[in-house]
Structure formats: structure tokens, C-alpha cells
Protein backbone atom coordinates (compact mmCIF):
# COMPACT_ATOMS: atom_id res chain seq x y z
CA MET A 1 -54.17 13.07 -29.00
CA THR A 2 -51.29 12.56 -26.56
CA GLU A 3 -51.54 13.52 -22.89
CA LYS A 4 -48.37 14.85 -21.25
CA VAL A 5 -47.67 14.03 -17.58
CA ASN A 6 -44.66 14.30 -15.29
CA THR A 7 -44.02 10.58 -14.64
CA ILE A 8 -45.41 7.29 -15.93
CA VAL A 9 -44.99 4.14 -13.85
CA ILE A 10 -45.83 0.93 -15.70
CA GLY A 11 -46.85 -1.80 -13.25
CA ALA A 12 -48.17 -1.59 -9.69
CA GLY A 13 -46.04 -4.28 -8.10
CA MET A 14 -44.02 -3.98 -4.93
CA ALA A 15 -41.58 -1.61 -6.67
CA GLY A 16 -43.95 0.28 -8.97
CA LEU A 17 -46.58 1.04 -6.35
CA PRO A 18 -44.33 2.86 -3.84
CA MET A 19 -42.48 4.50 -6.74
CA ALA A 20 -45.72 5.97 -8.12
CA LEU A 21 -46.95 7.11 -4.70
CA ARG A 22 -43.71 8.97 -4.02
CA ALA A 23 -43.30 10.33 -7.56
CA ALA A 24 -46.79 11.88 -7.31
CA ARG A 25 -45.46 14.23 -4.63
CA HIS A 26 -43.44 15.90 -7.36
CA GLY A 27 -45.95 16.23 -10.16
CA GLU A 28 -48.74 14.53 -12.08
CA THR A 29 -48.06 10.80 -12.21
CA VAL A 30 -49.89 8.01 -14.03
CA LEU A 31 -49.72 4.44 -12.74
CA VAL A 32 -50.59 1.88 -15.42
CA GLU A 33 -51.74 -1.55 -14.21
CA PRO A 34 -53.97 -4.16 -15.92
CA GLY A 35 -54.55 -6.27 -12.81
CA GLU A 36 -54.57 -6.08 -9.04
CA LEU A 37 -52.38 -3.68 -7.12
CA GLY A 38 -49.48 -5.30 -5.34
CA GLY A 39 -48.16 -7.46 -8.15
CA THR A 40 -47.03 -11.06 -7.76
CA CYS A 41 -45.94 -10.82 -4.13
CA LEU A 42 -49.26 -9.73 -2.73
CA ASN A 43 -51.63 -11.53 -5.07
CA ARG A 44 -49.86 -14.66 -6.31
CA GLY A 45 -46.61 -15.02 -4.37
CA CYS A 46 -45.24 -14.11 -0.97
CA ILE A 47 -48.38 -13.36 1.02
CA PRO A 48 -50.77 -16.05 -0.30
CA THR A 49 -48.15 -18.81 -0.28
CA LYS A 50 -46.94 -18.07 3.24
CA THR A 51 -50.53 -17.87 4.46
CA MET A 52 -51.28 -21.32 3.08
CA ILE A 53 -47.90 -22.71 4.17
CA HIS A 54 -48.80 -21.73 7.74
CA SER A 55 -52.08 -23.67 7.47
CA ALA A 56 -50.03 -26.66 6.28
CA LYS A 57 -47.72 -26.37 9.29
CA VAL A 58 -50.70 -26.26 11.63
CA ALA A 59 -51.95 -29.50 10.09
CA HIS A 60 -48.47 -31.01 10.42
CA LEU A 61 -48.22 -30.05 14.10
CA ALA A 62 -51.74 -31.34 14.76
CA ARG A 63 -50.72 -34.74 13.41
CA ARG A 64 -47.68 -34.63 15.70
CA ALA A 65 -49.69 -33.57 18.75
CA ALA A 66 -48.98 -36.82 20.57
CA ASP A 67 -45.25 -36.08 20.40
CA PHE A 68 -45.93 -33.12 22.68
CA GLY A 69 -48.26 -34.96 25.05
CA VAL A 70 -51.44 -33.60 23.47
CA GLU A 71 -54.33 -35.87 22.51
CA THR A 72 -56.29 -35.05 19.34
CA GLY A 73 -58.56 -36.81 16.90
CA PRO A 74 -58.07 -37.40 13.17
CA VAL A 75 -56.77 -34.36 11.29
CA ARG A 76 -58.58 -33.29 8.13
CA VAL A 77 -57.69 -30.31 5.95
CA ASP A 78 -60.54 -28.29 4.45
CA LEU A 79 -58.64 -26.91 1.47
CA ALA A 80 -61.49 -24.64 0.43
CA ALA A 81 -61.38 -23.01 3.87
CA VAL A 82 -57.59 -22.66 3.65
CA VAL A 83 -57.94 -20.90 0.29
CA ALA A 84 -60.75 -18.69 1.60
CA ARG A 85 -58.57 -17.58 4.51
CA LYS A 86 -55.72 -16.86 2.09
CA ASP A 87 -58.01 -14.75 -0.08
CA GLN A 88 -59.21 -12.78 2.95
CA VAL A 89 -55.66 -11.99 4.05
CA VAL A 90 -54.66 -10.90 0.54
CA ALA A 91 -57.79 -8.78 0.05
CA ALA A 92 -57.25 -6.97 3.33
CA ILE A 93 -53.67 -6.04 2.49
CA ARG A 94 -54.53 -5.14 -1.09
CA GLY A 95 -57.31 -2.90 0.21
CA GLY A 96 -54.73 -0.82 2.01
CA SER A 97 -52.81 -0.32 -1.22
CA GLU A 98 -55.97 0.67 -3.07
CA ARG A 99 -56.85 3.23 -0.42
CA ALA A 100 -53.34 4.68 -0.57
CA VAL A 101 -53.64 5.16 -4.34
CA ASP A 102 -57.12 6.67 -4.02
CA ARG A 103 -55.90 9.19 -1.45
CA ALA A 104 -52.76 10.21 -3.30
CA GLU A 105 -52.94 13.64 -4.89
CA SER A 106 -51.55 13.97 -8.41
CA LEU A 107 -51.65 10.18 -8.91
CA ARG A 108 -54.01 8.59 -11.43
CA LEU A 109 -54.48 4.86 -11.90
CA VAL A 110 -55.01 3.79 -15.51
CA ARG A 111 -56.18 0.22 -16.09
CA GLY A 112 -54.72 -1.65 -19.03
CA TYR A 113 -51.52 -2.89 -20.67
CA ALA A 114 -48.94 -0.31 -21.65
CA ARG A 115 -47.04 -0.52 -24.94
CA PHE A 116 -44.18 1.73 -25.94
CA VAL A 117 -44.79 3.89 -28.99
CA ASP A 118 -41.42 5.62 -28.70
CA GLY A 119 -38.88 6.42 -25.99
CA HIS A 120 -41.22 8.76 -24.11
CA THR A 121 -44.70 7.67 -25.20
CA VAL A 122 -46.82 4.68 -24.22
CA GLU A 123 -50.20 3.57 -25.49
CA VAL A 124 -52.84 2.14 -23.17
CA ASP A 125 -56.07 0.90 -24.78
CA GLY A 126 -55.70 3.38 -27.65
CA ASN A 127 -54.82 6.36 -25.44
CA HIS A 128 -51.35 7.89 -25.64
CA LEU A 129 -49.43 9.10 -22.60
CA ARG A 130 -46.12 10.93 -22.75
CA ALA A 131 -43.57 11.72 -20.04
CA ASP A 132 -39.93 12.66 -19.80
CA ARG A 133 -39.58 10.08 -17.03
CA ILE A 134 -40.93 6.51 -17.35
CA VAL A 135 -40.39 3.69 -14.86
CA VAL A 136 -41.00 0.09 -15.93
CA ASN A 137 -42.11 -2.41 -13.27
CA THR A 138 -43.98 -5.06 -15.24
CA GLY A 139 -42.62 -7.98 -13.19
CA ALA A 140 -42.41 -11.60 -14.24
CA ARG A 141 -44.60 -14.68 -14.53
CA PRO A 142 -44.05 -18.45 -14.26
CA HIS A 143 -41.78 -19.88 -16.95
CA LEU A 144 -43.10 -22.76 -19.04
CA PRO A 145 -40.43 -25.34 -19.93
CA THR A 146 -40.28 -27.39 -23.11
CA ILE A 147 -41.77 -30.79 -22.25
CA PRO A 148 -43.21 -32.88 -25.10
CA GLY A 149 -46.99 -33.10 -24.72
CA LEU A 150 -47.28 -30.34 -22.13
CA ASP A 151 -49.62 -28.32 -24.33
CA GLU A 152 -52.02 -31.29 -24.40
CA VAL A 153 -52.56 -31.65 -20.65
CA SER A 154 -53.81 -29.54 -17.78
CA TRP A 155 -51.12 -28.25 -15.46
CA LEU A 156 -50.72 -25.90 -12.53
CA ASP A 157 -48.28 -23.08 -11.98
CA SER A 158 -47.44 -21.15 -8.83
CA THR A 159 -50.56 -19.02 -9.32
CA SER A 160 -53.22 -21.62 -10.05
CA ALA A 161 -51.79 -23.99 -7.41
CA LEU A 162 -52.99 -21.54 -4.77
CA ASP A 163 -56.62 -21.70 -5.87
CA LEU A 164 -57.34 -25.44 -5.72
CA THR A 165 -60.24 -26.21 -3.41
CA GLN A 166 -60.02 -29.99 -3.74
CA LEU A 167 -56.92 -31.76 -2.47
CA PRO A 168 -54.83 -33.41 -5.22
CA ARG A 169 -54.54 -37.17 -4.82
CA TYR A 170 -51.05 -37.30 -6.29
CA LEU A 171 -49.11 -34.16 -7.20
CA VAL A 172 -45.97 -34.20 -9.34
CA VAL A 173 -43.88 -31.04 -9.08
CA VAL A 174 -41.44 -30.27 -11.88
CA GLY A 175 -38.74 -28.02 -10.42
CA GLY A 176 -36.88 -28.13 -7.12
CA GLY A 177 -36.19 -24.45 -6.55
CA TYR A 178 -37.77 -22.41 -3.79
CA VAL A 179 -41.25 -22.33 -5.36
CA GLY A 180 -41.31 -26.05 -6.09
CA CYS A 181 -40.02 -26.98 -2.64
CA GLU A 182 -42.40 -24.69 -0.75
CA LEU A 183 -45.48 -25.88 -2.62
CA ALA A 184 -44.47 -29.55 -2.61
CA GLN A 185 -44.13 -29.62 1.18
CA MET A 186 -47.29 -27.58 1.61
CA TYR A 187 -49.41 -30.02 -0.39
CA ARG A 188 -47.78 -33.02 1.23
CA ARG A 189 -48.77 -31.65 4.63
CA PHE A 190 -52.28 -31.04 3.37
CA GLY A 191 -52.40 -34.78 2.65
CA ALA A 192 -51.43 -35.26 -1.01
CA GLU A 193 -48.90 -37.76 -2.29
CA VAL A 194 -46.06 -35.70 -3.78
CA THR A 195 -43.10 -36.31 -6.08
CA ILE A 196 -40.51 -33.66 -7.01
CA LEU A 197 -38.62 -33.95 -10.30
CA GLN A 198 -35.52 -31.74 -10.18
CA ARG A 199 -33.21 -31.21 -13.18
CA ALA A 200 -30.20 -30.30 -10.99
CA ASP A 201 -28.43 -32.88 -8.86
CA ARG A 202 -29.93 -31.45 -5.67
CA LEU A 203 -32.85 -29.41 -4.41
CA LEU A 204 -32.29 -25.67 -3.96
CA PRO A 205 -29.12 -25.72 -6.08
CA GLY A 206 -28.42 -22.06 -5.40
CA GLU A 207 -27.90 -22.73 -1.70
CA ASP A 208 -25.02 -24.26 0.24
CA PRO A 209 -24.95 -28.02 -0.55
CA ASP A 210 -25.36 -28.77 3.17
CA VAL A 211 -28.73 -26.99 3.01
CA SER A 212 -29.89 -29.23 0.18
CA GLN A 213 -28.97 -32.29 2.21
CA VAL A 214 -31.03 -31.13 5.20
CA ILE A 215 -34.09 -30.29 3.09
CA GLU A 216 -33.92 -33.54 1.14
CA GLU A 217 -33.69 -35.55 4.37
CA VAL A 218 -36.66 -33.73 5.89
CA PHE A 219 -38.72 -34.13 2.72
CA SER A 220 -37.94 -37.84 2.63
CA GLU A 221 -38.99 -38.22 6.27
CA GLU A 222 -42.29 -36.52 5.45
CA GLY A 223 -42.93 -38.92 2.58
CA ILE A 224 -42.05 -36.69 -0.39
CA ASP A 225 -40.50 -38.62 -3.26
CA VAL A 226 -37.48 -36.52 -4.28
CA ARG A 227 -35.87 -37.34 -7.64
CA THR A 228 -32.87 -35.21 -8.53
CA ALA A 229 -30.98 -35.12 -11.85
CA THR A 230 -34.33 -36.00 -13.37
CA VAL A 231 -36.56 -34.40 -16.00
CA PRO A 232 -39.79 -35.67 -17.52
CA ASP A 233 -39.30 -37.07 -21.01
CA ALA A 234 -42.91 -36.50 -22.02
CA VAL A 235 -46.40 -36.05 -20.64
CA ILE A 236 -49.78 -37.23 -21.92
CA PRO A 237 -53.35 -37.03 -20.62
CA HIS A 238 -54.50 -39.93 -18.45
CA PRO A 239 -57.67 -41.60 -19.80
CA ASP A 240 -59.31 -41.27 -16.38
CA GLY A 241 -58.15 -37.69 -15.80
CA GLY A 242 -54.85 -36.30 -14.64
CA VAL A 243 -51.59 -36.92 -16.46
CA ILE A 244 -49.03 -39.60 -17.20
CA LEU A 245 -45.40 -38.52 -17.08
CA THR A 246 -42.67 -40.60 -18.65
CA VAL A 247 -39.57 -40.30 -16.47
CA GLY A 248 -36.53 -42.40 -17.30
CA GLY A 249 -38.62 -45.17 -18.80
CA GLU A 250 -41.10 -45.16 -15.89
CA ASP A 251 -44.67 -43.90 -16.13
CA LEU A 252 -45.91 -41.71 -13.26
CA GLU A 253 -49.68 -41.41 -13.09
CA ALA A 254 -50.51 -38.16 -11.33
CA SER A 255 -53.78 -36.43 -10.61
CA HIS A 256 -52.11 -33.01 -10.85
CA LEU A 257 -48.96 -31.57 -12.43
CA LEU A 258 -47.29 -28.45 -11.06
CA ILE A 259 -44.69 -26.61 -13.16
CA ALA A 260 -42.22 -24.62 -11.04
CA THR A 261 -39.24 -23.95 -13.31
CA GLY A 262 -38.43 -20.29 -12.90
CA ARG A 263 -39.78 -16.94 -14.07
CA THR A 264 -40.20 -15.13 -17.39
CA PRO A 265 -40.23 -11.30 -17.58
CA ASN A 266 -43.40 -9.52 -18.64
CA THR A 267 -41.86 -7.60 -21.53
CA ASP A 268 -43.62 -9.29 -24.44
CA ARG A 269 -46.58 -6.88 -24.42
CA LEU A 270 -44.39 -3.88 -23.67
CA ASP A 271 -42.66 -3.68 -27.06
CA PRO A 272 -39.41 -2.30 -25.58
CA GLU A 273 -37.75 -2.29 -29.00
CA ALA A 274 -40.04 0.54 -30.09
CA ALA A 275 -38.45 2.69 -27.39
CA GLY A 276 -34.90 1.52 -28.03
CA ILE A 277 -34.82 -0.38 -24.75
CA THR A 278 -32.37 -3.29 -24.73
CA THR A 279 -33.32 -6.65 -23.22
CA ASP A 280 -31.17 -9.72 -22.64
CA ASP A 281 -31.64 -13.15 -24.20
CA GLY A 282 -34.23 -14.01 -21.53
CA GLY A 283 -36.27 -10.87 -22.17
CA PHE A 284 -35.21 -9.08 -18.96
CA VAL A 285 -34.65 -5.33 -19.29
CA THR A 286 -30.98 -4.31 -19.22
CA VAL A 287 -30.18 -1.56 -16.71
CA ASP A 288 -27.10 0.02 -15.17
CA GLU A 289 -26.42 0.48 -11.45
CA THR A 290 -28.84 3.45 -11.38
CA TYR A 291 -31.68 1.45 -13.03
CA ALA A 292 -31.31 3.41 -16.29
CA THR A 293 -32.20 1.52 -19.45
CA THR A 294 -30.56 2.14 -22.80
CA THR A 295 -33.18 4.84 -23.49
CA GLU A 296 -32.65 8.18 -21.76
CA GLY A 297 -35.34 8.95 -19.21
CA VAL A 298 -36.60 5.34 -19.02
CA TYR A 299 -35.81 3.23 -15.95
CA ALA A 300 -36.70 -0.30 -14.86
CA ILE A 301 -36.98 -1.81 -11.39
CA GLY A 302 -38.18 -5.03 -9.78
CA ASP A 303 -38.37 -8.50 -11.28
CA VAL A 304 -38.42 -7.25 -14.88
CA VAL A 305 -34.66 -6.56 -14.63
CA GLY A 306 -33.92 -10.12 -13.49
CA PRO A 307 -32.37 -11.67 -10.38
CA PRO A 308 -32.45 -11.23 -7.49
CA MET A 309 -36.24 -11.30 -7.78
CA PHE A 310 -37.43 -10.61 -4.22
CA THR A 311 -40.01 -8.24 -2.82
CA HIS A 312 -37.50 -6.68 -0.44
CA THR A 313 -35.10 -5.90 -3.28
CA ALA A 314 -37.97 -4.48 -5.35
CA ARG A 315 -38.88 -2.14 -2.50
CA ASP A 316 -35.25 -1.12 -2.18
CA ASP A 317 -35.14 -0.56 -5.95
CA ALA A 318 -38.02 1.88 -5.62
CA ASP A 319 -36.41 3.69 -2.71
CA LEU A 320 -33.03 4.01 -4.42
CA LEU A 321 -34.48 5.16 -7.72
CA TYR A 322 -36.74 7.70 -6.04
CA ARG A 323 -33.80 9.18 -4.15
CA HIS A 324 -31.77 9.28 -7.36
CA LEU A 325 -34.45 10.89 -9.54
CA TYR A 326 -36.10 13.27 -7.10
CA LYS A 327 -33.43 13.88 -4.45
CA GLN A 328 -30.46 13.87 -6.86
CA GLU A 329 -28.61 11.34 -4.70
CA ASP A 330 -25.82 9.18 -6.06
CA ILE A 331 -26.86 5.55 -5.85
CA THR A 332 -25.53 2.14 -6.79
CA THR A 333 -26.81 -1.39 -6.55
CA HIS A 334 -23.34 -2.92 -6.49
CA THR A 335 -22.84 -2.63 -2.73
CA ARG A 336 -26.22 -3.97 -1.64
CA LEU A 337 -26.26 -6.84 0.84
CA ILE A 338 -29.32 -8.89 -0.11
CA PRO A 339 -30.63 -11.67 2.14
CA HIS A 340 -33.26 -14.14 1.05
CA ALA A 341 -35.30 -16.96 2.51
CA VAL A 342 -37.03 -20.15 1.43
CA PHE A 343 -40.13 -20.85 3.52
CA THR A 344 -39.89 -24.59 3.70
CA ASP A 345 -39.94 -26.20 7.14
CA PRO A 346 -37.19 -25.93 8.24
CA GLU A 347 -36.75 -22.50 6.72
CA VAL A 348 -33.67 -21.56 4.73
CA ALA A 349 -32.08 -18.10 4.83
CA SER A 350 -28.78 -16.79 3.54
CA PHE A 351 -26.84 -13.80 2.31
CA GLY A 352 -23.38 -13.08 0.97
CA LEU A 353 -20.94 -15.81 0.06
CA THR A 354 -21.40 -19.51 0.61
CA GLU A 355 -18.49 -21.53 1.96
CA ALA A 356 -17.51 -22.67 -1.54
CA GLN A 357 -17.65 -19.13 -2.93
CA ALA A 358 -15.61 -17.78 -0.03
CA ARG A 359 -12.91 -20.39 -0.62
CA GLN A 360 -12.71 -19.38 -4.27
CA THR A 361 -12.06 -15.80 -3.21
CA HIS A 362 -9.97 -16.24 -0.07
CA GLY A 363 -8.67 -19.80 -0.33
CA ASP A 364 -8.38 -21.46 3.05
CA HIS A 365 -7.94 -18.12 4.83
CA ILE A 366 -11.53 -17.95 6.00
CA GLY A 367 -13.28 -18.58 9.28
CA ILE A 368 -16.20 -20.98 9.49
CA GLY A 369 -18.46 -21.12 12.53
CA VAL A 370 -21.19 -23.74 12.69
CA GLU A 371 -23.88 -24.47 15.24
CA ARG A 372 -26.34 -27.30 14.67
CA PHE A 373 -29.82 -26.74 15.98
CA ARG A 374 -29.74 -29.96 17.93
CA GLY A 375 -27.22 -28.14 20.13
CA VAL A 376 -29.64 -25.25 20.80
CA ALA A 377 -31.78 -25.74 23.90
CA LYS A 378 -34.83 -23.90 22.51
CA ALA A 379 -34.76 -26.00 19.34
CA ARG A 380 -34.80 -29.12 21.49
CA ALA A 381 -37.69 -27.75 23.55
CA ILE A 382 -39.85 -27.21 20.47
CA ASP A 383 -38.51 -30.39 18.79
CA GLU A 384 -37.26 -28.59 15.68
CA THR A 385 -33.63 -29.63 15.60
CA ALA A 386 -32.97 -30.19 11.90
CA GLY A 387 -30.45 -27.84 10.35
CA PHE A 388 -27.61 -25.53 11.28
CA ILE A 389 -26.22 -22.00 11.35
CA LYS A 390 -23.04 -21.40 9.33
CA ILE A 391 -21.13 -18.11 9.41
CA ILE A 392 -18.29 -17.38 6.99
CA THR A 393 -15.75 -14.65 7.78
CA ASP A 394 -12.68 -13.19 6.12
CA PRO A 395 -9.18 -13.13 7.66
CA ASP A 396 -10.10 -9.85 9.40
CA ARG A 397 -13.03 -11.64 11.05
CA ARG A 398 -15.67 -9.69 9.12
CA ILE A 399 -18.74 -11.50 7.89
CA LEU A 400 -18.62 -12.67 4.27
CA GLY A 401 -21.84 -14.64 4.37
CA THR A 402 -24.25 -16.65 6.46
CA THR A 403 -26.43 -19.66 5.80
CA ILE A 404 -29.14 -20.81 8.17
CA VAL A 405 -31.41 -23.79 7.70
CA GLY A 406 -33.63 -24.39 10.68
CA PRO A 407 -36.58 -23.05 12.66
CA ASP A 408 -37.35 -19.36 12.03
CA ALA A 409 -34.25 -18.96 9.86
CA GLY A 410 -35.85 -16.07 7.97
CA ASN A 411 -35.93 -14.04 11.18
CA LEU A 412 -32.69 -15.26 12.72
CA ILE A 413 -30.58 -14.18 9.75
CA HIS A 414 -31.27 -10.49 10.29
CA GLU A 415 -28.95 -10.18 13.27
CA LEU A 416 -26.07 -11.10 10.98
CA VAL A 417 -27.39 -9.00 8.08
CA VAL A 418 -27.30 -5.94 10.33
CA ALA A 419 -23.86 -6.89 11.67
CA ALA A 420 -22.45 -7.26 8.17
CA THR A 421 -24.11 -4.04 6.98
CA ALA A 422 -22.56 -2.19 9.93
CA ASP A 423 -19.19 -3.82 9.16
CA LEU A 424 -18.98 -5.39 12.60
CA THR A 425 -16.57 -8.21 13.30
CA ILE A 426 -17.82 -11.63 14.29
CA ASP A 427 -16.27 -11.06 17.72
CA GLN A 428 -18.76 -8.27 18.36
CA VAL A 429 -21.59 -10.68 17.59
CA SER A 430 -20.07 -13.35 19.83
CA GLN A 431 -19.71 -10.96 22.76
CA ALA A 432 -23.38 -9.94 22.74
CA ILE A 433 -25.40 -11.73 25.42
CA HIS A 434 -28.45 -13.48 23.96
CA ILE A 435 -31.58 -14.37 25.91
CA HIS A 436 -31.88 -17.96 27.08
CA PRO A 437 -33.62 -20.03 25.91
CA THR A 438 -33.99 -18.67 22.39
CA LEU A 439 -33.13 -19.86 18.93
CA ALA A 440 -30.91 -16.79 18.59
CA GLU A 441 -28.47 -18.37 21.04
CA GLY A 442 -27.47 -20.52 18.09
CA VAL A 443 -26.26 -17.45 16.20
CA ASN A 444 -24.05 -16.51 19.12
CA ALA A 445 -22.81 -20.07 19.40
CA ALA A 446 -21.89 -20.23 15.71
CA ALA A 447 -19.97 -17.01 16.21
CA GLY A 448 -17.97 -18.69 18.99
CA GLY A 449 -19.66 -16.72 21.76
CA VAL A 450 -20.62 -17.40 25.35
CA HIS A 451 -23.59 -19.52 24.32
CA ARG A 452 -21.44 -22.06 22.48
CA PRO A 453 -22.13 -25.45 24.07
CA THR A 454 -19.39 -28.00 24.64
CA SER A 455 -21.61 -31.04 24.19
CA HIS A 456 -21.09 -33.71 21.56
CA GLU A 457 -23.76 -35.97 20.19
CA CYS A 458 -23.31 -39.40 18.66
CA GLY A 459 -19.62 -38.67 18.24
CA GLU A 460 -20.27 -35.64 16.01
CA VAL A 461 -19.39 -32.11 16.99
CA VAL A 462 -22.50 -29.99 17.47
CA SER A 463 -20.61 -26.69 17.44
CA GLN A 464 -17.63 -25.62 15.37
CA SER A 465 -16.14 -22.35 16.55
CA LEU A 466 -14.52 -19.91 14.16
CA SER A 467 -10.89 -20.73 13.52
CA TYR A 468 -8.27 -19.58 11.04
CA PRO A 469 -5.21 -21.28 9.54
């Protein structure tokens, strides 16, 4: 027997959950989810990692207490307590989502994995559900690379690395993207010896090369062994526990191995072919600018459609699709301005074009404004001076992109995101008075505003005001 409903939403992640809650206002909706509500972000990603990263920063600052004139004793990290705090934070936020689903009229939560039977029917644990409108939000999971011997050893991924209650003695991280960098620094600050093996020639290869240089210098200062243009040749179990990695003829004996080499879409259980849904070579669902798949009435949002895989874009996906399906609004994803951040210390945040990308598009007819944090009074006061703010503009002085690496970069970038979204010129940013002393003065300084200092340090210019050929 097949049950007919108005809408089926497959997956209760950060796109599927709000989509289902809003769709239920318009008719009977079924939300299918085999695990916890909130998806990767809430349970295995954004919230738990940032909670633990903050504990790591507290430990780091405690060790540096003398630099600020504060006397402390030896610093010891109770990793089990750190994990317990993380679990409490996650449970509290997830509880809110569960209550919202329980209270929602016309919304029913069905536990289990959904599998397409045809273009409008899914099967969940032997039960068939049919709807004219189906939204796929099955997300993604950690990708497992091909490394000889990997299937013979124990390894961690970005999920299991958050549940260790005993500190690793020596952690090797394979992958130097945002997940690998965040977790490597976190465990180093907890007290582990850490090595990063990165296939690309620099960490965070998707960012401005100047960002990679700052992060690699900071990591080196903190005692992280960074090896770029490097991949493990093989891995075998260590006789005394742990693993042995062969890297360029050298054997690394590690107590723990963390694999952080990207994400794989959760489409393997979904059987999209049965519904005529096209996927790309990586398994990500193919959609157009309105999130429509190749099957009429079936849509896909969130990480399952591929990059950019961020919670904030997933939420925007849900909002746009809801407005399109239930409010009959014209939508497109082509004009979205999407910022992102990497929560290392210093943080990294960016949006739009990098300097290299802007030069490809506009040649040398661009403006570049740079302010280094060592030129920002507040950064000096808190002794967090690594990094810079870089603003790229077009010949009409409108913002093409911004890169920030430095303290609180994930918050600082939003001033420029809003400015670019509102199509303001960089002059309007530079003319706005910023509170002193704040880190945001650096944004104004990079824009060539009133807060731009004239100081030089060690013969190197701290500020570079916007100029055009």
C-alpha cells in the first residue's frame, strides 16, 4: 500500500529541516531522517567543532598567560570534559529542533533511509510514500581516499575525531583543507604532537596564497609539522598500536591517523537512478538554478548538490526553494554572494574574487586595499597581529571580493558582505567612522578610510590604500 502526502523531504539537515517545517504549512508533509535532526552541521560539524576549538583556544591562552602579565600554574586539558561540554551544547540545540518538529502541524517525522522507487515514490523500511513534490537533502559524509593499507588500520574522520576522550600522543592529519587545518590546530593546542600531510603545494589551497602563508607560519610557530605536496605512500598497523605511514621513504609512527580529504554525497542508498535523477561523476545530484533535478517535481538542496557546502548556503537553499515552490517567486542561485570562514586561529574569511581571479577578469584595472593586523591598535592590544585584510575592487570602485585572515575574521567580513550585496562603493565603506579601538578599524583602513595609519614597521608598509592604474 502506498500513502499519498503533499510533500516529502528526505533528510533533516540544515536545509531539509527548515524546508519541511515551512512546507507543512501548506499541506501534509513527511520528513524522512535515519539519524539525528540537524544533520552534519549540528551533530558532527559546525557546532561541535567550534565548541571544541574554543576549548583549545582557552588552553592556548592559558599557556600564554604570562605574556599578558597573568600568573598561572601548569595547564592540563581534560579531553573527556571538553567532549562532554561539546555534547551538552549540541544536545541543547538539537532539542530545540526536535521540539519544533513535534509542535509542527501537518508534519510527520519518519525514521529510516529513503530509497526511490520511481520519480514520485520512496520506500522507507518497506513502507511506500508518494508525493508530487519531493525535496532531497541527504547531505554528505567524509570522503575516504585511496591509500594502500588504509583498510587494515584504525583511522579517524571528522566525526570520530570529535569523540576521543584520551588525548592522542601523535596525530597525523591527511588533508590540509579547512577540516584538516581546524582539527590539527585544535589537537595541537590540546597537547598532541601533530603533522599535516597535504597533497597540494599549500594549506587551504582554495584561499588567497597569502592566506596559506600566514596559516603555515602560525602552525609552524605552534609546533605543527606541515608537509605540503606530500601524500602517504602506504599505511600499516604499528605492532604496539597506532599506525606507521610511509611518506617519501620516511616512516612516521603515529598513535592516531585522521583522514580529512573532502566529502562524499549521501546518494548511494537513495537509488536516484530509479527516479531518473541525474548525478555527476562524484555522485552529487545535478540541479538547475531553481534546485530542480532532471525528474519533474523532485528538487535537491544542501550538500548533496555539491559545493559550496556550507550551513548558511543550505539555509538559503531552503529559503529560496520554499519561496519558489510555495510563493511562486522567481529565484536563481547565480547571483548569490556567498562568504565562508575557516575557524583556525587566526580565522580566515572570504567572499567573491581573490586577487588572482580578479586580475584574470579585469587585468591590472583593479583596486587592492590591504591592512595588516599589526597596524590595527586593537589587534596589538590583544596580541593577535598575524594576518591582514585585503579588499579587491573593480574600476568603478565596487567590491569584487575580500579576504581576511586574522582575529575574528568570520565576523569582520560581514561589513563588506553587506556593502557588496548593497552594491556600495568602497568609498562609502571608507567614509564610515568606526569605533576606536576595534578590529573593524582595519576594514576601514584597508578601504583607504580615516582609520588608515601612516606607520611603517621594519621597512614594510602596514597599509596599502586602494589605487588604480
